[in-house]
Amino acid sequence: MAALARAGSVVALVLLLVLALVPTWAGLGAGPALAPGPQVVQAASASPGVAPADAVSAHVSADRSAADVDQSITFACSASGGTPPYVYAWTLSDGGIGTGPTVTHSFGSPGTYDATCTVTDVLLGIATASKSVVISPLPSVAASVDHNLAAPGTVLTFSASPSGGDGSFSFEWTFGDGSSGSGAPATHAYTGPGSYQATVTATDGNGGTASSFRSVTISDISVTANVSPTSGDATTVFTFTASASGGSGSPYSFSWTYGDRTTGTG
């Protein structure tokens, strides 16, 4: 009897343990499935006050959109969005390269060129932007004058013929006697004899310049008169001749007054 009592006690203890462990096994899938309760899903969100980063973007500007050959242009690249700091790399369509937010470059031939900036942020986001510029040929100019020999007081006309550049020009002159002028054509009269150099400087719309000059010689006109014969009576026919030098040179025209209120030419 005592043995049966002990066996019954053991069975009862085992049953109590089984009943105590049933909820745990059910949660592990070892028992009948439990009906799911209401599910609550927490949406992901950025930390308060921190906005998600935009994609990196780039913008290129230049201090001028047109230039002449060999004139410098400064390009600037600005970046936004993404995650700074940024790395800047430049390629120019004439083969030039550069780094940094600004580059200065000159082009050796006329044409239209692109400057392209590639921006890379710290997370390797990439953006590119470009700027086009127009490059004109080097300007040149040729000066001319209607007379390179003249007498003092003669009004001379100076002309300028430009080429190259962007096609729009202004002209400034120095005449070699301390005076100056502008425009083309320009006129000037020298007051005294001498050799002078008139220089024109042509400036195009890109600020490119070119110069040219013409030399002029200013001299007084001198004349020598002769008569043959040197004496005679009222019936004598006198022949008058004259030679001249200086001024603008030959041909010269001659006017005579004979002292008896008559005149002549030649």
Foldseek 3Di string as FASTA:
>chain_A
DVVVVVVVVVVVVVVVVVVVCVVVCQVVVNDDDDDDDDDDDDDDDDDPPDDDWDFKEKEKDKPDQEAAAPDKIKMFMDMDTDADDKWKKKAKPVGDIDTDRMDIDGHHDFDKMKIKIWIAHPVRRIYMDIGIHGYKYAKEKEKDKPFQFFAAPDKIWMFMDMDIDPPAKWKKKDWAPPDIDTDGTDIDGHHDFDKIKMKMWIAGPNRHIYMYIDIHTYDHKDKDKDKPPPDDDPPDDIDMDMDMDGGRGDDDKAKADDPPRDIDID
